[in-house]
């Protein structure tokens, strides 16, 4: 079953992981997939996989960018060895606004059309995702936890493709938060 067919997800950070592996769970807290960082790459690359180890989405962070920017790709095929990134499978890019009150991101297609807008509160605990001005999903992060836990609720009318794109966007929000936490010094 594709990860895009679900409408409610929970993403929980692992306590200890040598490979940056985090599970995606359904509302019953059963694993339905995971995302993992590829260890040996020129640029940081993540794979969103279902529990059968089939890649459903590939996310690459841009090497040089003024703001956080992540490229999304469909996998090359449906086999287990479909981890190859091909430019013809490029879906679009998630970008972070440089200046905004609260957190603001958007997903744009290859022809620079905004498909999704993601707006978060100042603390980055709640996000609303809209498509064409209509809210299609909501993300909330638990505040009093040792490890990051995100809840994602997607409108049932959203297509499976858009649902998978929203899930991958939540993963990018988690990645950005992790990078900010790791780059923070004692005084900032």
C-alpha atoms as a PDB file:
ATOM      1  CA  UNK A   1       0.000   0.000   0.000  1.00  0.00           C
ATOM      2  CA  UNK A   2       1.344   3.416  -0.942  1.00  0.00           C
ATOM      3  CA  UNK A   3       2.101   5.916   1.799  1.00  0.00           C
ATOM      4  CA  UNK A   4       0.042   8.457  -0.149  1.00  0.00           C
ATOM      5  CA  UNK A   5      -3.166   6.509   0.499  1.00  0.00           C
ATOM      6  CA  UNK A   6      -3.163   7.404   4.219  1.00  0.00           C
ATOM      7  CA  UNK A   7      -4.660  10.675   5.520  1.00  0.00           C
ATOM      8  CA  UNK A   8      -3.309  10.690   9.073  1.00  0.00           C
ATOM      9  CA  UNK A   9       0.334  10.161   9.927  1.00  0.00           C
ATOM     10  CA  UNK A  10       2.612  10.356  12.895  1.00  0.00           C
ATOM     11  CA  UNK A  11       6.351  10.865  12.483  1.00  0.00           C
ATOM     12  CA  UNK A  12       8.530  10.042  15.448  1.00  0.00           C
ATOM     13  CA  UNK A  13      12.259  10.592  15.684  1.00  0.00           C
ATOM     14  CA  UNK A  14      14.278   7.546  16.770  1.00  0.00           C
ATOM     15  CA  UNK A  15      16.231   7.708  20.019  1.00  0.00           C
ATOM     16  CA  UNK A  16      19.482   6.506  18.483  1.00  0.00           C
ATOM     17  CA  UNK A  17      20.102   5.966  14.803  1.00  0.00           C
ATOM     18  CA  UNK A  18      23.369   5.608  12.941  1.00  0.00           C
ATOM     19  CA  UNK A  19      21.672   6.250   9.582  1.00  0.00           C
ATOM     20  CA  UNK A  20      19.104   8.969  10.445  1.00  0.00           C
ATOM     21  CA  UNK A  21      16.169   6.590  10.098  1.00  0.00           C
ATOM     22  CA  UNK A  22      12.777   7.880  11.273  1.00  0.00           C
ATOM     23  CA  UNK A  23       9.492   5.994  11.112  1.00  0.00           C
ATOM     24  CA  UNK A  24       6.181   7.133   9.650  1.00  0.00           C
ATOM     25  CA  UNK A  25       3.251   5.589  11.543  1.00  0.00           C
ATOM     26  CA  UNK A  26      -0.499   5.405  11.165  1.00  0.00           C
ATOM     27  CA  UNK A  27      -2.919   6.612  13.865  1.00  0.00           C
ATOM     28  CA  UNK A  28      -2.540   3.296  15.715  1.00  0.00           C
ATOM     29  CA  UNK A  29       1.218   3.975  15.966  1.00  0.00           C
ATOM     30  CA  UNK A  30       2.034   1.074  13.644  1.00  0.00           C
ATOM     31  CA  UNK A  31       4.939   1.686  11.237  1.00  0.00           C
ATOM     32  CA  UNK A  32       3.798   2.157   7.632  1.00  0.00           C
ATOM     33  CA  UNK A  33       7.060   3.530   6.268  1.00  0.00           C
ATOM     34  CA  UNK A  34      10.233   5.406   7.094  1.00  0.00           C
ATOM     35  CA  UNK A  35      12.611   8.009   5.772  1.00  0.00           C
ATOM     36  CA  UNK A  36      16.322   7.557   5.806  1.00  0.00           C
ATOM     37  CA  UNK A  37      19.354   9.666   4.933  1.00  0.00           C
ATOM     38  CA  UNK A  38      21.761   8.191   2.424  1.00  0.00           C
ATOM     39  CA  UNK A  39      25.202   8.183   4.049  1.00  0.00           C
ATOM     40  CA  UNK A  40      27.619   8.572   1.145  1.00  0.00           C
ATOM     41  CA  UNK A  41      26.420  11.342  -1.177  1.00  0.00           C
ATOM     42  CA  UNK A  42      27.703  14.699  -2.395  1.00  0.00           C
ATOM     43  CA  UNK A  43      24.509  16.416  -1.279  1.00  0.00           C
ATOM     44  CA  UNK A  44      22.216  15.338   1.527  1.00  0.00           C
ATOM     45  CA  UNK A  45      19.668  12.891   0.123  1.00  0.00           C
ATOM     46  CA  UNK A  46      16.673  11.337   1.891  1.00  0.00           C
ATOM     47  CA  UNK A  47      14.515   8.437   0.793  1.00  0.00           C
ATOM     48  CA  UNK A  48      10.877   8.026   1.839  1.00  0.00           C
ATOM     49  CA  UNK A  49      10.173   4.273   1.793  1.00  0.00           C
ATOM     50  CA  UNK A  50       7.239   2.049   2.607  1.00  0.00           C
ATOM     51  CA  UNK A  51       7.647  -0.996   4.855  1.00  0.00           C
ATOM     52  CA  UNK A  52       8.392  -3.191   1.809  1.00  0.00           C
ATOM     53  CA  UNK A  53      11.572  -1.090   1.276  1.00  0.00           C
ATOM     54  CA  UNK A  54      10.239   0.474  -1.925  1.00  0.00           C
ATOM     55  CA  UNK A  55      11.194   4.132  -2.340  1.00  0.00           C
ATOM     56  CA  UNK A  56       8.185   6.397  -2.862  1.00  0.00           C
ATOM     57  CA  UNK A  57       9.924   9.797  -2.854  1.00  0.00           C
ATOM     58  CA  UNK A  58      13.507  11.074  -3.025  1.00  0.00           C
ATOM     59  CA  UNK A  59      14.400  14.405  -1.413  1.00  0.00           C
ATOM     60  CA  UNK A  60      17.699  16.211  -2.065  1.00  0.00           C
ATOM     61  CA  UNK A  61      18.883  19.311  -0.286  1.00  0.00           C
ATOM     62  CA  UNK A  62      20.416  21.894  -2.605  1.00  0.00           C
ATOM     63  CA  UNK A  63      24.163  22.252  -2.060  1.00  0.00           C
ATOM     64  CA  UNK A  64      24.370  26.025  -2.335  1.00  0.00           C
ATOM     65  CA  UNK A  65      21.284  28.083  -1.514  1.00  0.00           C
ATOM     66  CA  UNK A  66      20.470  31.389   0.173  1.00  0.00           C
ATOM     67  CA  UNK A  67      17.503  29.738   1.890  1.00  0.00           C
ATOM     68  CA  UNK A  68      16.622  26.148   2.730  1.00  0.00           C
ATOM     69  CA  UNK A  69      15.691  24.484  -0.584  1.00  0.00           C
ATOM     70  CA  UNK A  70      14.878  20.837  -1.207  1.00  0.00           C
ATOM     71  CA  UNK A  71      14.257  19.092  -4.546  1.00  0.00           C
ATOM     72  CA  UNK A  72      11.681  16.300  -4.765  1.00  0.00           C
ATOM     73  CA  UNK A  73      11.936  13.386  -7.212  1.00  0.00           C
ATOM     74  CA  UNK A  74       9.782  10.392  -8.040  1.00  0.00           C
ATOM     75  CA  UNK A  75      11.731   7.130  -7.854  1.00  0.00           C
ATOM     76  CA  UNK A  76      13.111   5.674 -11.092  1.00  0.00           C
ATOM     77  CA  UNK A  77      10.951   2.538 -10.872  1.00  0.00           C
ATOM     78  CA  UNK A  78       8.930   0.401  -8.515  1.00  0.00           C
ATOM     79  CA  UNK A  79      11.626  -2.164  -7.658  1.00  0.00           C
ATOM     80  CA  UNK A  80      13.692  -2.208  -4.465  1.00  0.00           C
ATOM     81  CA  UNK A  81      16.703  -0.762  -6.332  1.00  0.00           C
ATOM     82  CA  UNK A  82      14.844   2.357  -7.515  1.00  0.00           C
ATOM     83  CA  UNK A  83      17.002   4.841  -5.574  1.00  0.00           C
ATOM     84  CA  UNK A  84      18.444   6.492  -8.674  1.00  0.00           C
ATOM     85  CA  UNK A  85      17.779  10.237  -9.048  1.00  0.00           C
ATOM     86  CA  UNK A  86      16.858  11.265 -12.585  1.00  0.00           C
ATOM     87  CA  UNK A  87      16.111  14.804 -13.727  1.00  0.00           C
ATOM     88  CA  UNK A  88      13.109  13.646 -15.778  1.00  0.00           C
ATOM     89  CA  UNK A  89      11.523  12.503 -12.474  1.00  0.00           C
ATOM     90  CA  UNK A  90      11.825  15.965 -10.880  1.00  0.00           C
ATOM     91  CA  UNK A  91       8.525  16.944  -9.192  1.00  0.00           C
ATOM     92  CA  UNK A  92       9.400  20.338  -7.744  1.00  0.00           C
ATOM     93  CA  UNK A  93      11.124  22.194  -4.938  1.00  0.00           C
ATOM     94  CA  UNK A  94      10.213  23.158  -1.379  1.00  0.00           C
ATOM     95  CA  UNK A  95      11.595  26.570  -0.407  1.00  0.00           C
ATOM     96  CA  UNK A  96      11.676  28.514   2.825  1.00  0.00           C
ATOM     97  CA  UNK A  97      10.868  32.227   2.916  1.00  0.00           C
ATOM     98  CA  UNK A  98      13.904  34.283   3.882  1.00  0.00           C
ATOM     99  CA  UNK A  99      11.958  36.906   5.859  1.00  0.00           C
ATOM    100  CA  UNK A 100       8.602  36.186   7.494  1.00  0.00           C
ATOM    101  CA  UNK A 101       6.850  36.356  10.825  1.00  0.00           C
ATOM    102  CA  UNK A 102       6.342  32.731  11.709  1.00  0.00           C
ATOM    103  CA  UNK A 103       7.627  30.057   9.416  1.00  0.00           C
ATOM    104  CA  UNK A 104       6.636  30.078   5.762  1.00  0.00           C
ATOM    105  CA  UNK A 105       7.431  27.577   3.007  1.00  0.00           C
ATOM    106  CA  UNK A 106       6.053  26.812  -0.419  1.00  0.00           C
ATOM    107  CA  UNK A 107       6.301  23.981  -2.885  1.00  0.00           C
ATOM    108  CA  UNK A 108       6.704  24.973  -6.511  1.00  0.00           C
ATOM    109  CA  UNK A 109       6.419  22.832  -9.607  1.00  0.00           C
ATOM    110  CA  UNK A 110       9.201  22.624 -12.226  1.00  0.00           C
ATOM    111  CA  UNK A 111       7.541  25.534 -14.094  1.00  0.00           C
ATOM    112  CA  UNK A 112       7.722  27.713 -10.899  1.00  0.00           C
ATOM    113  CA  UNK A 113       3.985  27.499 -10.109  1.00  0.00           C
ATOM    114  CA  UNK A 114       3.195  27.442  -6.348  1.00  0.00           C
ATOM    115  CA  UNK A 115       1.373  24.197  -5.606  1.00  0.00           C
ATOM    116  CA  UNK A 116       1.384  24.192  -1.794  1.00  0.00           C
ATOM    117  CA  UNK A 117       1.877  26.874   0.844  1.00  0.00           C
ATOM    118  CA  UNK A 118       2.950  25.961   4.360  1.00  0.00           C
ATOM    119  CA  UNK A 119       2.538  28.509   7.141  1.00  0.00           C
ATOM    120  CA  UNK A 120       3.658  27.874  10.693  1.00  0.00           C
ATOM    121  CA  UNK A 121       3.438  29.754  13.947  1.00  0.00           C
ATOM    122  CA  UNK A 122       6.465  31.534  15.417  1.00  0.00           C
ATOM    123  CA  UNK A 123       7.534  28.503  17.475  1.00  0.00           C
ATOM    124  CA  UNK A 124       7.168  26.016  14.633  1.00  0.00           C
ATOM    125  CA  UNK A 125       4.709  23.838  16.560  1.00  0.00           C
ATOM    126  CA  UNK A 126       1.690  24.128  14.247  1.00  0.00           C
ATOM    127  CA  UNK A 127       1.555  24.397  10.470  1.00  0.00           C
ATOM    128  CA  UNK A 128      -1.290  24.760   7.999  1.00  0.00           C
ATOM    129  CA  UNK A 129      -0.864  23.580   4.416  1.00  0.00           C
ATOM    130  CA  UNK A 130      -3.018  25.104   1.714  1.00  0.00           C
ATOM    131  CA  UNK A 131      -3.460  24.435  -1.982  1.00  0.00           C
ATOM    132  CA  UNK A 132      -5.008  27.166  -4.097  1.00  0.00           C
ATOM    133  CA  UNK A 133      -6.000  29.113  -0.968  1.00  0.00           C
ATOM    134  CA  UNK A 134      -7.854  26.159   0.610  1.00  0.00           C
ATOM    135  CA  UNK A 135      -6.448  24.417   3.681  1.00  0.00           C
ATOM    136  CA  UNK A 136      -5.739  20.762   2.862  1.00  0.00           C
ATOM    137  CA  UNK A 137      -3.618  19.617   5.826  1.00  0.00           C
ATOM    138  CA  UNK A 138      -2.537  20.465   9.333  1.00  0.00           C
ATOM    139  CA  UNK A 139       0.679  19.573  11.138  1.00  0.00           C
ATOM    140  CA  UNK A 140       1.250  19.747  14.865  1.00  0.00           C
ATOM    141  CA  UNK A 141       4.417  19.034  16.802  1.00  0.00           C
ATOM    142  CA  UNK A 142       4.298  17.838  20.373  1.00  0.00           C
ATOM    143  CA  UNK A 143       6.065  20.333  22.618  1.00  0.00           C
ATOM    144  CA  UNK A 144       6.881  18.416  25.799  1.00  0.00           C
ATOM    145  CA  UNK A 145       8.697  15.427  24.321  1.00  0.00           C
ATOM    146  CA  UNK A 146      12.328  14.330  24.399  1.00  0.00           C
ATOM    147  CA  UNK A 147      12.293  13.433  20.726  1.00  0.00           C
ATOM    148  CA  UNK A 148      10.379  15.116  17.909  1.00  0.00           C
ATOM    149  CA  UNK A 149       6.869  13.810  17.223  1.00  0.00           C
ATOM    150  CA  UNK A 150       4.737  15.267  14.416  1.00  0.00           C
ATOM    151  CA  UNK A 151       1.058  14.604  13.792  1.00  0.00           C
ATOM    152  CA  UNK A 152      -0.231  15.135  10.255  1.00  0.00           C
ATOM    153  CA  UNK A 153      -3.911  15.272   9.293  1.00  0.00           C
ATOM    154  CA  UNK A 154      -4.789  15.558   5.596  1.00  0.00           C
ATOM    155  CA  UNK A 155      -8.208  16.338   4.105  1.00  0.00           C
ATOM    156  CA  UNK A 156      -9.793  13.119   2.705  1.00  0.00           C
ATOM    157  CA  UNK A 157     -10.483  14.872  -0.634  1.00  0.00           C
ATOM    158  CA  UNK A 158      -6.743  15.299  -1.310  1.00  0.00           C
ATOM    159  CA  UNK A 159      -5.297  13.000  -3.993  1.00  0.00           C
ATOM    160  CA  UNK A 160      -2.812  10.262  -3.045  1.00  0.00           C
ATOM    161  CA  UNK A 161      -0.074  12.102  -4.985  1.00  0.00           C
ATOM    162  CA  UNK A 162      -0.658  15.331  -3.038  1.00  0.00           C
ATOM    163  CA  UNK A 163      -0.881  13.374   0.222  1.00  0.00           C
ATOM    164  CA  UNK A 164       2.552  11.862  -0.439  1.00  0.00           C
ATOM    165  CA  UNK A 165       3.901  15.321  -1.312  1.00  0.00           C
ATOM    166  CA  UNK A 166       2.521  16.726   1.964  1.00  0.00           C
ATOM    167  CA  UNK A 167       4.098  13.859   3.925  1.00  0.00           C
ATOM    168  CA  UNK A 168       7.458  14.486   2.227  1.00  0.00           C
ATOM    169  CA  UNK A 169       7.119  18.213   3.036  1.00  0.00           C
ATOM    170  CA  UNK A 170       6.626  17.383   6.728  1.00  0.00           C
ATOM    171  CA  UNK A 171       9.812  15.340   6.578  1.00  0.00           C
ATOM    172  CA  UNK A 172      11.638  18.386   5.180  1.00  0.00           C
ATOM    173  CA  UNK A 173      10.271  20.530   8.046  1.00  0.00           C
ATOM    174  CA  UNK A 174      11.720  17.965  10.452  1.00  0.00           C
ATOM    175  CA  UNK A 175      15.059  17.990   8.616  1.00  0.00           C
ATOM    176  CA  UNK A 176      15.244  21.802   8.750  1.00  0.00           C
ATOM    177  CA  UNK A 177      14.423  21.770  12.481  1.00  0.00           C
ATOM    178  CA  UNK A 178      17.145  19.156  13.092  1.00  0.00           C
ATOM    179  CA  UNK A 179      19.700  21.214  11.154  1.00  0.00           C
ATOM    180  CA  UNK A 180      18.781  24.330  13.136  1.00  0.00           C
ATOM    181  CA  UNK A 181      19.079  22.430  16.410  1.00  0.00           C
ATOM    182  CA  UNK A 182      22.476  20.951  15.439  1.00  0.00           C
ATOM    183  CA  UNK A 183      23.883  24.319  14.284  1.00  0.00           C
ATOM    184  CA  UNK A 184      22.785  26.185  17.407  1.00  0.00           C
ATOM    185  CA  UNK A 185      25.550  27.304  19.708  1.00  0.00           C
ATOM    186  CA  UNK A 186      25.253  27.797  23.468  1.00  0.00           C
ATOM    187  CA  UNK A 187      24.586  31.526  23.080  1.00  0.00           C
ATOM    188  CA  UNK A 188      22.010  31.487  20.213  1.00  0.00           C
END
